Amino acid sequence: MRTSLAIATLLLALLPAAVSAQSADAIDAPRISQQEFKKLFTAHNVIIVDTRNESAFAESHIPGAIKLPLEGQMTWPPEYEKTVSMLLAAKKPAVAYCA
């Protein structure tokens, strides 16, 4: 779990950019430190998004993480729209990790 925490990425900028441009070149998500993530996690003030593939998620993931397997994809499939809409409407910051 420590490795996952160390690579957490704040998605506040990621999701709106991805919605409008749907291009990897348009994504500019700020990084946060492990300590910043721990504060958000401990305060239950974060949505955790695991973007790894299905088998990696099944093997291990941060407790409470939402599965959104974007690994190797330039855009998300239509079936992800419900999850993406929920993340955009959320009042909490979203943190994604991919390894």
PDB file of N, CA and C in Angstrom:
ATOM      1  N   MET A   1       0.821  -1.190   0.000  1.00  0.00           N
ATOM      2  CA  MET A   1       0.000   0.000   0.000  1.00  0.00           C
ATOM      3  C   MET A   1       0.865   1.253   0.000  1.00  0.00           C
ATOM      4  N   ARG A   2       2.046   1.247   0.612  1.00  0.00           N
ATOM      5  CA  ARG A   2       2.899   2.425   0.637  1.00  0.00           C
ATOM      6  C   ARG A   2       3.279   2.879  -0.765  1.00  0.00           C
ATOM      7  N   THR A   3       3.571   1.949  -1.667  1.00  0.00           N
ATOM      8  CA  THR A   3       3.904   2.310  -3.036  1.00  0.00           C
ATOM      9  C   THR A   3       2.747   3.036  -3.687  1.00  0.00           C
ATOM     10  N   SER A   4       1.550   2.536  -3.490  1.00  0.00           N
ATOM     11  CA  SER A   4       0.374   3.177  -4.064  1.00  0.00           C
ATOM     12  C   SER A   4       0.192   4.578  -3.513  1.00  0.00           C
ATOM     13  N   LEU A   5       0.407   4.758  -2.225  1.00  0.00           N
ATOM     14  CA  LEU A   5       0.247   6.070  -1.625  1.00  0.00           C
ATOM     15  C   LEU A   5       1.263   7.054  -2.170  1.00  0.00           C
ATOM     16  N   ALA A   6       2.479   6.595  -2.396  1.00  0.00           N
ATOM     17  CA  ALA A   6       3.547   7.482  -2.848  1.00  0.00           C
ATOM     18  C   ALA A   6       3.284   8.033  -4.241  1.00  0.00           C
ATOM     19  N   ILE A   7       2.507   7.338  -5.057  1.00  0.00           N
ATOM     20  CA  ILE A   7       2.299   7.798  -6.423  1.00  0.00           C
ATOM     21  C   ILE A   7       0.905   8.386  -6.647  1.00  0.00           C
ATOM     22  N   ALA A   8       0.211   8.697  -5.570  1.00  0.00           N
ATOM     23  CA  ALA A   8      -1.125   9.277  -5.700  1.00  0.00           C
ATOM     24  C   ALA A   8      -1.059  10.599  -6.463  1.00  0.00           C
ATOM     25  N   THR A   9      -2.039  10.826  -7.333  1.00  0.00           N
ATOM     26  CA  THR A   9      -2.084  12.032  -8.150  1.00  0.00           C
ATOM     27  C   THR A   9      -3.435  12.699  -7.982  1.00  0.00           C
ATOM     28  N   LEU A  10      -3.431  13.977  -7.712  1.00  0.00           N
ATOM     29  CA  LEU A  10      -4.669  14.700  -7.536  1.00  0.00           C
ATOM     30  C   LEU A  10      -5.385  14.867  -8.863  1.00  0.00           C
ATOM     31  N   LEU A  11      -6.689  14.529  -8.920  1.00  0.00           N
ATOM     32  CA  LEU A  11      -7.444  14.558 -10.161  1.00  0.00           C
ATOM     33  C   LEU A  11      -8.312  15.793 -10.338  1.00  0.00           C
ATOM     34  N   LEU A  12      -8.227  16.742  -9.467  1.00  0.00           N
ATOM     35  CA  LEU A  12      -9.099  17.905  -9.589  1.00  0.00           C
ATOM     36  C   LEU A  12      -8.987  18.553 -10.962  1.00  0.00           C
ATOM     37  N   ALA A  13      -7.783  18.660 -11.490  1.00  0.00           N
ATOM     38  CA  ALA A  13      -7.590  19.234 -12.822  1.00  0.00           C
ATOM     39  C   ALA A  13      -7.768  18.193 -13.907  1.00  0.00           C
ATOM     40  N   LEU A  14      -7.476  16.953 -13.610  1.00  0.00           N
ATOM     41  CA  LEU A  14      -7.504  15.882 -14.601  1.00  0.00           C
ATOM     42  C   LEU A  14      -8.881  15.664 -15.204  1.00  0.00           C
ATOM     43  N   LEU A  15      -9.887  15.495 -14.382  1.00  0.00           N
ATOM     44  CA  LEU A  15     -11.194  15.117 -14.909  1.00  0.00           C
ATOM     45  C   LEU A  15     -11.823  16.183 -15.795  1.00  0.00           C
ATOM     46  N   PRO A  16     -11.859  17.470 -15.392  1.00  0.00           N
ATOM     47  CA  PRO A  16     -12.435  18.455 -16.312  1.00  0.00           C
ATOM     48  C   PRO A  16     -11.665  18.539 -17.634  1.00  0.00           C
ATOM     49  N   ALA A  17     -10.344  18.446 -17.586  1.00  0.00           N
ATOM     50  CA  ALA A  17      -9.556  18.492 -18.817  1.00  0.00           C
ATOM     51  C   ALA A  17      -9.853  17.283 -19.688  1.00  0.00           C
ATOM     52  N   ALA A  18      -9.990  16.126 -19.078  1.00  0.00           N
ATOM     53  CA  ALA A  18     -10.257  14.914 -19.835  1.00  0.00           C
ATOM     54  C   ALA A  18     -11.635  14.951 -20.466  1.00  0.00           C
ATOM     55  N   VAL A  19     -12.595  15.531 -19.761  1.00  0.00           N
ATOM     56  CA  VAL A  19     -13.950  15.618 -20.303  1.00  0.00           C
ATOM     57  C   VAL A  19     -13.981  16.503 -21.535  1.00  0.00           C
ATOM     58  N   SER A  20     -13.315  17.660 -21.483  1.00  0.00           N
ATOM     59  CA  SER A  20     -13.380  18.589 -22.595  1.00  0.00           C
ATOM     60  C   SER A  20     -12.489  18.176 -23.756  1.00  0.00           C
ATOM     61  N   ALA A  21     -11.296  17.670 -23.468  1.00  0.00           N
ATOM     62  CA  ALA A  21     -10.356  17.376 -24.542  1.00  0.00           C
ATOM     63  C   ALA A  21     -10.254  15.890 -24.851  1.00  0.00           C
ATOM     64  N   GLN A  22     -10.464  15.043 -23.852  1.00  0.00           N
ATOM     65  CA  GLN A  22     -10.313  13.602 -23.990  1.00  0.00           C
ATOM     66  C   GLN A  22      -9.017  13.251 -24.727  1.00  0.00           C
ATOM     67  N   SER A  23      -7.938  13.890 -24.315  1.00  0.00           N
ATOM     68  CA  SER A  23      -6.628  13.645 -24.913  1.00  0.00           C
ATOM     69  C   SER A  23      -5.587  13.607 -23.827  1.00  0.00           C
ATOM     70  N   ALA A  24      -4.659  12.647 -23.888  1.00  0.00           N
ATOM     71  CA  ALA A  24      -3.605  12.556 -22.886  1.00  0.00           C
ATOM     72  C   ALA A  24      -2.750  13.815 -22.881  1.00  0.00           C
ATOM     73  N   ASP A  25      -2.610  14.480 -24.012  1.00  0.00           N
ATOM     74  CA  ASP A  25      -1.809  15.695 -24.089  1.00  0.00           C
ATOM     75  C   ASP A  25      -2.438  16.847 -23.318  1.00  0.00           C
ATOM     76  N   ALA A  26      -3.748  16.816 -23.112  1.00  0.00           N
ATOM     77  CA  ALA A  26      -4.449  17.921 -22.458  1.00  0.00           C
ATOM     78  C   ALA A  26      -4.488  17.772 -20.940  1.00  0.00           C
ATOM     79  N   ILE A  27      -4.011  16.653 -20.421  1.00  0.00           N
ATOM     80  CA  ILE A  27      -4.110  16.385 -18.995  1.00  0.00           C
ATOM     81  C   ILE A  27      -2.919  16.981 -18.258  1.00  0.00           C
ATOM     82  N   ASP A  28      -3.220  17.770 -17.231  1.00  0.00           N
ATOM     83  CA  ASP A  28      -2.178  18.363 -16.400  1.00  0.00           C
ATOM     84  C   ASP A  28      -2.655  18.295 -14.958  1.00  0.00           C
ATOM     85  N   ALA A  29      -2.457  17.150 -14.330  1.00  0.00           N
ATOM     86  CA  ALA A  29      -2.924  16.946 -12.955  1.00  0.00           C
ATOM     87  C   ALA A  29      -1.772  17.188 -11.994  1.00  0.00           C
ATOM     88  N   PRO A  30      -1.995  18.041 -11.000  1.00  0.00           N
ATOM     89  CA  PRO A  30      -0.931  18.276 -10.012  1.00  0.00           C
ATOM     90  C   PRO A  30      -0.696  17.032  -9.159  1.00  0.00           C
ATOM     91  N   ARG A  31       0.514  16.863  -8.713  1.00  0.00           N
ATOM     92  CA  ARG A  31       0.856  15.748  -7.830  1.00  0.00           C
ATOM     93  C   ARG A  31       0.750  16.218  -6.387  1.00  0.00           C
ATOM     94  N   ILE A  32       0.453  15.270  -5.495  1.00  0.00           N
ATOM     95  CA  ILE A  32       0.449  15.569  -4.070  1.00  0.00           C
ATOM     96  C   ILE A  32       1.422  14.622  -3.384  1.00  0.00           C
ATOM     97  N   SER A  33       1.864  15.020  -2.218  1.00  0.00           N
ATOM     98  CA  SER A  33       2.813  14.186  -1.478  1.00  0.00           C
ATOM     99  C   SER A  33       2.073  13.070  -0.746  1.00  0.00           C
ATOM    100  N   GLN A  34       2.843  12.102  -0.282  1.00  0.00           N
ATOM    101  CA  GLN A  34       2.274  11.013   0.502  1.00  0.00           C
ATOM    102  C   GLN A  34       1.647  11.581   1.775  1.00  0.00           C
ATOM    103  N   GLN A  35       2.273  12.567   2.381  1.00  0.00           N
ATOM    104  CA  GLN A  35       1.737  13.170   3.600  1.00  0.00           C
ATOM    105  C   GLN A  35       0.403  13.876   3.333  1.00  0.00           C
ATOM    106  N   GLU A  36       0.298  14.588   2.199  1.00  0.00           N
ATOM    107  CA  GLU A  36      -0.962  15.242   1.848  1.00  0.00           C
ATOM    108  C   GLU A  36      -2.063  14.210   1.631  1.00  0.00           C
ATOM    109  N   PHE A  37      -1.716  13.115   0.958  1.00  0.00           N
ATOM    110  CA  PHE A  37      -2.695  12.062   0.731  1.00  0.00           C
ATOM    111  C   PHE A  37      -3.137  11.440   2.051  1.00  0.00           C
ATOM    112  N   LYS A  38      -2.181  11.178   2.941  1.00  0.00           N
ATOM    113  CA  LYS A  38      -2.516  10.588   4.240  1.00  0.00           C
ATOM    114  C   LYS A  38      -3.489  11.463   5.012  1.00  0.00           C
ATOM    115  N   LYS A  39      -3.300  12.791   4.963  1.00  0.00           N
ATOM    116  CA  LYS A  39      -4.228  13.704   5.645  1.00  0.00           C
ATOM    117  C   LYS A  39      -5.631  13.577   5.067  1.00  0.00           C
ATOM    118  N   LEU A  40      -5.734  13.580   3.746  1.00  0.00           N
ATOM    119  CA  LEU A  40      -7.043  13.449   3.098  1.00  0.00           C
ATOM    120  C   LEU A  40      -7.677  12.095   3.420  1.00  0.00           C
ATOM    121  N   PHE A  41      -6.883  11.042   3.359  1.00  0.00           N
ATOM    122  CA  PHE A  41      -7.368   9.684   3.603  1.00  0.00           C
ATOM    123  C   PHE A  41      -7.844   9.522   5.041  1.00  0.00           C
ATOM    124  N   THR A  42      -7.044  10.006   5.992  1.00  0.00           N
ATOM    125  CA  THR A  42      -7.390   9.896   7.411  1.00  0.00           C
ATOM    126  C   THR A  42      -8.654  10.688   7.735  1.00  0.00           C
ATOM    127  N   ALA A  43      -8.823  11.837   7.088  1.00  0.00           N
ATOM    128  CA  ALA A  43      -9.997  12.681   7.317  1.00  0.00           C
ATOM    129  C   ALA A  43     -11.216  12.205   6.526  1.00  0.00           C
ATOM    130  N   HIS A  44     -11.073  11.122   5.769  1.00  0.00           N
ATOM    131  CA  HIS A  44     -12.158  10.614   4.911  1.00  0.00           C
ATOM    132  C   HIS A  44     -12.636  11.717   3.974  1.00  0.00           C
ATOM    133  N   ASN A  45     -11.686  12.498   3.478  1.00  0.00           N
ATOM    134  CA  ASN A  45     -12.008  13.628   2.613  1.00  0.00           C
ATOM    135  C   ASN A  45     -11.402  13.446   1.225  1.00  0.00           C
ATOM    136  N   VAL A  46     -11.513  12.251   0.679  1.00  0.00           N
ATOM    137  CA  VAL A  46     -10.928  11.977  -0.624  1.00  0.00           C
ATOM    138  C   VAL A  46     -11.649  10.817  -1.299  1.00  0.00           C
ATOM    139  N   ILE A  47     -11.725  10.876  -2.602  1.00  0.00           N
ATOM    140  CA  ILE A  47     -12.205   9.753  -3.402  1.00  0.00           C
ATOM    141  C   ILE A  47     -10.957   9.183  -4.069  1.00  0.00           C
ATOM    142  N   ILE A  48     -10.720   7.898  -3.874  1.00  0.00           N
ATOM    143  CA  ILE A  48      -9.536   7.247  -4.423  1.00  0.00           C
ATOM    144  C   ILE A  48      -9.936   6.505  -5.689  1.00  0.00           C
ATOM    145  N   VAL A  49      -9.206   6.763  -6.772  1.00  0.00           N
ATOM    146  CA  VAL A  49      -9.498   6.147  -8.061  1.00  0.00           C
ATOM    147  C   VAL A  49      -8.300   5.303  -8.490  1.00  0.00           C
ATOM    148  N   ASP A  50      -8.544   4.022  -8.697  1.00  0.00           N
ATOM    149  CA  ASP A  50      -7.507   3.095  -9.155  1.00  0.00           C
ATOM    150  C   ASP A  50      -7.686   2.933 -10.658  1.00  0.00           C
ATOM    151  N   THR A  51      -6.706   3.403 -11.437  1.00  0.00           N
ATOM    152  CA  THR A  51      -6.831   3.363 -12.894  1.00  0.00           C
ATOM    153  C   THR A  51      -6.128   2.171 -13.529  1.00  0.00           C
ATOM    154  N   ARG A  52      -5.674   1.239 -12.706  1.00  0.00           N
ATOM    155  CA  ARG A  52      -4.985   0.057 -13.236  1.00  0.00           C
ATOM    156  C   ARG A  52      -5.983  -0.916 -13.868  1.00  0.00           C
ATOM    157  N   ASN A  53      -5.458  -1.926 -14.557  1.00  0.00           N
ATOM    158  CA  ASN A  53      -6.337  -2.894 -15.212  1.00  0.00           C
ATOM    159  C   ASN A  53      -7.075  -3.756 -14.180  1.00  0.00           C
ATOM    160  N   GLU A  54      -8.064  -4.483 -14.664  1.00  0.00           N
ATOM    161  CA  GLU A  54      -8.944  -5.286 -13.805  1.00  0.00           C
ATOM    162  C   GLU A  54      -8.185  -6.277 -12.926  1.00  0.00           C
ATOM    163  N   SER A  55      -7.208  -6.980 -13.502  1.00  0.00           N
ATOM    164  CA  SER A  55      -6.493  -8.004 -12.733  1.00  0.00           C
ATOM    165  C   SER A  55      -5.624  -7.379 -11.643  1.00  0.00           C
ATOM    166  N   ALA A  56      -5.008  -6.242 -11.904  1.00  0.00           N
ATOM    167  CA  ALA A  56      -4.197  -5.569 -10.887  1.00  0.00           C
ATOM    168  C   ALA A  56      -5.080  -5.094  -9.735  1.00  0.00           C
ATOM    169  N   PHE A  57      -6.258  -4.571 -10.056  1.00  0.00           N
ATOM    170  CA  PHE A  57      -7.193  -4.132  -9.017  1.00  0.00           C
ATOM    171  C   PHE A  57      -7.647  -5.314  -8.168  1.00  0.00           C
ATOM    172  N   ALA A  58      -7.962  -6.415  -8.816  1.00  0.00           N
ATOM    173  CA  ALA A  58      -8.425  -7.605  -8.094  1.00  0.00           C
ATOM    174  C   ALA A  58      -7.345  -8.155  -7.174  1.00  0.00           C
ATOM    175  N   GLU A  59      -6.096  -8.041  -7.590  1.00  0.00           N
ATOM    176  CA  GLU A  59      -4.988  -8.559  -6.795  1.00  0.00           C
ATOM    177  C   GLU A  59      -4.762  -7.724  -5.529  1.00  0.00           C
ATOM    178  N   SER A  60      -4.854  -6.402  -5.653  1.00  0.00           N
ATOM    179  CA  SER A  60      -4.613  -5.522  -4.510  1.00  0.00           C
ATOM    180  C   SER A  60      -4.998  -4.099  -4.875  1.00  0.00           C
ATOM    181  N   HIS A  61      -5.595  -3.397  -3.924  1.00  0.00           N
ATOM    182  CA  HIS A  61      -5.913  -1.983  -4.129  1.00  0.00           C
ATOM    183  C   HIS A  61      -6.084  -1.293  -2.783  1.00  0.00           C
ATOM    184  N   ILE A  62      -6.038   0.023  -2.782  1.00  0.00           N
ATOM    185  CA  ILE A  62      -6.248   0.788  -1.560  1.00  0.00           C
ATOM    186  C   ILE A  62      -7.709   0.592  -1.140  1.00  0.00           C
ATOM    187  N   PRO A  63      -7.950   0.287   0.134  1.00  0.00           N
ATOM    188  CA  PRO A  63      -9.334   0.093   0.593  1.00  0.00           C
ATOM    189  C   PRO A  63     -10.225   1.283   0.250  1.00  0.00           C
ATOM    190  N   GLY A  64     -11.384   0.991  -0.325  1.00  0.00           N
ATOM    191  CA  GLY A  64     -12.341   2.028  -0.681  1.00  0.00           C
ATOM    192  C   GLY A  64     -12.126   2.623  -2.061  1.00  0.00           C
ATOM    193  N   ALA A  65     -11.082   2.197  -2.771  1.00  0.00           N
ATOM    194  CA  ALA A  65     -10.796   2.751  -4.094  1.00  0.00           C
ATOM    195  C   ALA A  65     -11.878   2.380  -5.096  1.00  0.00           C
ATOM    196  N   ILE A  66     -12.145   3.308  -6.000  1.00  0.00           N
ATOM    197  CA  ILE A  66     -13.072   3.076  -7.099  1.00  0.00           C
ATOM    198  C   ILE A  66     -12.260   2.578  -8.286  1.00  0.00           C
ATOM    199  N   LYS A  67     -12.726   1.518  -8.899  1.00  0.00           N
ATOM    200  CA  LYS A  67     -12.035   0.953 -10.061  1.00  0.00           C
ATOM    201  C   LYS A  67     -12.455   1.707 -11.313  1.00  0.00           C
ATOM    202  N   LEU A  68     -11.473   2.269 -12.007  1.00  0.00           N
ATOM    203  CA  LEU A  68     -11.714   2.957 -13.273  1.00  0.00           C
ATOM    204  C   LEU A  68     -10.515   2.662 -14.174  1.00  0.00           C
ATOM    205  N   PRO A  69     -10.474   1.466 -14.764  1.00  0.00           N
ATOM    206  CA  PRO A  69      -9.292   1.014 -15.494  1.00  0.00           C
ATOM    207  C   PRO A  69      -9.037   1.778 -16.792  1.00  0.00           C
ATOM    208  N   LEU A  70      -8.207   2.799 -16.689  1.00  0.00           N
ATOM    209  CA  LEU A  70      -7.875   3.634 -17.840  1.00  0.00           C
ATOM    210  C   LEU A  70      -6.507   3.303 -18.420  1.00  0.00           C
ATOM    211  N   GLU A  71      -5.812   2.359 -17.816  1.00  0.00           N
ATOM    212  CA  GLU A  71      -4.468   2.006 -18.252  1.00  0.00           C
ATOM    213  C   GLU A  71      -4.444   1.676 -19.751  1.00  0.00           C
ATOM    214  N   GLY A  72      -3.626   2.398 -20.499  1.00  0.00           N
ATOM    215  CA  GLY A  72      -3.474   2.160 -21.924  1.00  0.00           C
ATOM    216  C   GLY A  72      -4.575   2.739 -22.791  1.00  0.00           C
ATOM    217  N   GLN A  73      -5.494   3.523 -22.227  1.00  0.00           N
ATOM    218  CA  GLN A  73      -6.596   4.083 -23.000  1.00  0.00           C
ATOM    219  C   GLN A  73      -6.429   5.597 -23.143  1.00  0.00           C
ATOM    220  N   MET A  74      -6.755   6.120 -24.298  1.00  0.00           N
ATOM    221  CA  MET A  74      -6.703   7.563 -24.525  1.00  0.00           C
ATOM    222  C   MET A  74      -8.023   8.230 -24.109  1.00  0.00           C
ATOM    223  N   THR A  75      -9.116   7.502 -24.178  1.00  0.00           N
ATOM    224  CA  THR A  75     -10.423   7.998 -23.749  1.00  0.00           C
ATOM    225  C   THR A  75     -11.106   6.886 -22.969  1.00  0.00           C
ATOM    226  N   TRP A  76     -12.143   7.228 -22.220  1.00  0.00           N
ATOM    227  CA  TRP A  76     -12.842   6.188 -21.486  1.00  0.00           C
ATOM    228  C   TRP A  76     -14.035   5.698 -22.298  1.00  0.00           C
ATOM    229  N   PRO A  77     -14.333   4.410 -22.168  1.00  0.00           N
ATOM    230  CA  PRO A  77     -15.481   3.840 -22.870  1.00  0.00           C
ATOM    231  C   PRO A  77     -16.794   4.401 -22.315  1.00  0.00           C
ATOM    232  N   PRO A  78     -17.870   4.330 -23.078  1.00  0.00           N
ATOM    233  CA  PRO A  78     -19.168   4.852 -22.646  1.00  0.00           C
ATOM    234  C   PRO A  78     -19.638   4.289 -21.299  1.00  0.00           C
ATOM    235  N   GLU A  79     -19.290   3.030 -20.992  1.00  0.00           N
ATOM    236  CA  GLU A  79     -19.753   2.442 -19.726  1.00  0.00           C
ATOM    237  C   GLU A  79     -19.103   3.096 -18.502  1.00  0.00           C
ATOM    238  N   TYR A  80     -18.082   3.910 -18.690  1.00  0.00           N
ATOM    239  CA  TYR A  80     -17.437   4.617 -17.573  1.00  0.00           C
ATOM    240  C   TYR A  80     -18.130   5.941 -17.258  1.00  0.00           C
ATOM    241  N   GLU A  81     -19.054   6.374 -18.109  1.00  0.00           N
ATOM    242  CA  GLU A  81     -19.679   7.697 -17.945  1.00  0.00           C
ATOM    243  C   GLU A  81     -20.315   7.902 -16.571  1.00  0.00           C
ATOM    244  N   LYS A  82     -20.962   6.870 -16.034  1.00  0.00           N
ATOM    245  CA  LYS A  82     -21.610   6.998 -14.728  1.00  0.00           C
ATOM    246  C   LYS A  82     -20.571   7.305 -13.641  1.00  0.00           C
ATOM    247  N   THR A  83     -19.453   6.598 -13.667  1.00  0.00           N
ATOM    248  CA  THR A  83     -18.396   6.819 -12.675  1.00  0.00           C
ATOM    249  C   THR A  83     -17.765   8.190 -12.861  1.00  0.00           C
ATOM    250  N   VAL A  84     -17.498   8.566 -14.096  1.00  0.00           N
ATOM    251  CA  VAL A  84     -16.887   9.869 -14.379  1.00  0.00           C
ATOM    252  C   VAL A  84     -17.828  10.991 -13.942  1.00  0.00           C
ATOM    253  N   SER A  85     -19.103  10.859 -14.211  1.00  0.00           N
ATOM    254  CA  SER A  85     -20.084  11.867 -13.790  1.00  0.00           C
ATOM    255  C   SER A  85     -20.115  12.006 -12.269  1.00  0.00           C
ATOM    256  N   MET A  86     -20.046  10.872 -11.570  1.00  0.00           N
ATOM    257  CA  MET A  86     -20.024  10.897 -10.105  1.00  0.00           C
ATOM    258  C   MET A  86     -18.784  11.636  -9.616  1.00  0.00           C
ATOM    259  N   LEU A  87     -17.633  11.374 -10.228  1.00  0.00           N
ATOM    260  CA  LEU A  87     -16.399  12.040  -9.810  1.00  0.00           C
ATOM    261  C   LEU A  87     -16.450  13.538 -10.067  1.00  0.00           C
ATOM    262  N   LEU A  88     -17.015  13.939 -11.191  1.00  0.00           N
ATOM    263  CA  LEU A  88     -17.127  15.360 -11.505  1.00  0.00           C
ATOM    264  C   LEU A  88     -18.069  16.085 -10.547  1.00  0.00           C
ATOM    265  N   ALA A  89     -19.102  15.401 -10.085  1.00  0.00           N
ATOM    266  CA  ALA A  89     -20.081  16.011  -9.190  1.00  0.00           C
ATOM    267  C   ALA A  89     -19.651  15.968  -7.714  1.00  0.00           C
ATOM    268  N   ALA A  90     -18.643  15.195  -7.413  1.00  0.00           N
ATOM    269  CA  ALA A  90     -18.225  15.013  -6.020  1.00  0.00           C
ATOM    270  C   ALA A  90     -17.707  16.301  -5.407  1.00  0.00           C
ATOM    271  N   LYS A  91     -17.949  16.446  -4.120  1.00  0.00           N
ATOM    272  CA  LYS A  91     -17.482  17.614  -3.370  1.00  0.00           C
ATOM    273  C   LYS A  91     -16.080  17.368  -2.805  1.00  0.00           C
ATOM    274  N   LYS A  92     -15.648  16.120  -2.796  1.00  0.00           N
ATOM    275  CA  LYS A  92     -14.322  15.765  -2.272  1.00  0.00           C
ATOM    276  C   LYS A  92     -13.315  15.751  -3.414  1.00  0.00           C
ATOM    277  N   PRO A  93     -12.052  15.999  -3.098  1.00  0.00           N
ATOM    278  CA  PRO A  93     -11.036  15.851  -4.145  1.00  0.00           C
ATOM    279  C   PRO A  93     -10.880  14.374  -4.499  1.00  0.00           C
ATOM    280  N   ALA A  94     -10.487  14.108  -5.718  1.00  0.00           N
ATOM    281  CA  ALA A  94     -10.252  12.750  -6.188  1.00  0.00           C
ATOM    282  C   ALA A  94      -8.756  12.563  -6.395  1.00  0.00           C
ATOM    283  N   VAL A  95      -8.251  11.435  -5.926  1.00  0.00           N
ATOM    284  CA  VAL A  95      -6.848  11.091  -6.097  1.00  0.00           C
ATOM    285  C   VAL A  95      -6.782   9.785  -6.874  1.00  0.00           C
ATOM    286  N   ALA A  96      -5.978   9.768  -7.933  1.00  0.00           N
ATOM    287  CA  ALA A  96      -5.833   8.570  -8.749  1.00  0.00           C
ATOM    288  C   ALA A  96      -4.444   7.983  -8.565  1.00  0.00           C
ATOM    289  N   TYR A  97      -4.375   6.672  -8.712  1.00  0.00           N
ATOM    290  CA  TYR A  97      -3.076   6.015  -8.739  1.00  0.00           C
ATOM    291  C   TYR A  97      -3.119   4.933  -9.803  1.00  0.00           C
ATOM    292  N   CYS A  98      -1.925   4.602 -10.307  1.00  0.00           N
ATOM    293  CA  CYS A  98      -1.871   3.670 -11.424  1.00  0.00           C
ATOM    294  C   CYS A  98      -0.781   2.617 -11.290  1.00  0.00           C
ATOM    295  N   ALA A  99      -0.164   2.476 -10.140  1.00  0.00           N
ATOM    296  CA  ALA A  99       0.854   1.429  -9.982  1.00  0.00           C
ATOM    297  C   ALA A  99       0.890   0.955  -8.553  1.00  0.00           C
TER     298      ALA A  99
END
